[in-house]
C-alpha cells in the first residue's frame, strides 16, 4: 500500500503547531544524537543511551522526557526497564535528512 506524501499546505493549524513543536524538541545536538541511536526500530533504555553518548543519566532522562512529551518518542516498560523508541517510523527521515544536509 502506497502512502501519499503530505504537503505542508495540506496541514491545518493544529498539525502545523504539533509539527513545529516536534521540530523544536529535536533541534538540539544531544537530542539528534539520541534519535540517531534509535533509528531502524531500535529500542534502548536510559542507561544504554547514556552509555552510548557518555553523558549523565539525569541529562539523558531530561532529553528523553522532552522528546517523549513532544510526541517524538514513545516508551514501553518491560520489567524494571523502560525502552524508548521513535514514535513514528517516518521520523527516521528527519534524522537522515539532518545527517545528509549537515555534510559540507
Foldseek 3Di string as FASTA:
>chain_A
DDDDDDDPVPDDPVVVVLVVLLVVLCPDVLSLVLQVVQAPPDWDFLVVSCVVVVHDSVVSVVSLVSNVVSQQWDWDDDVPTIIIHGNDNCVVVVSVCVVVVPDD
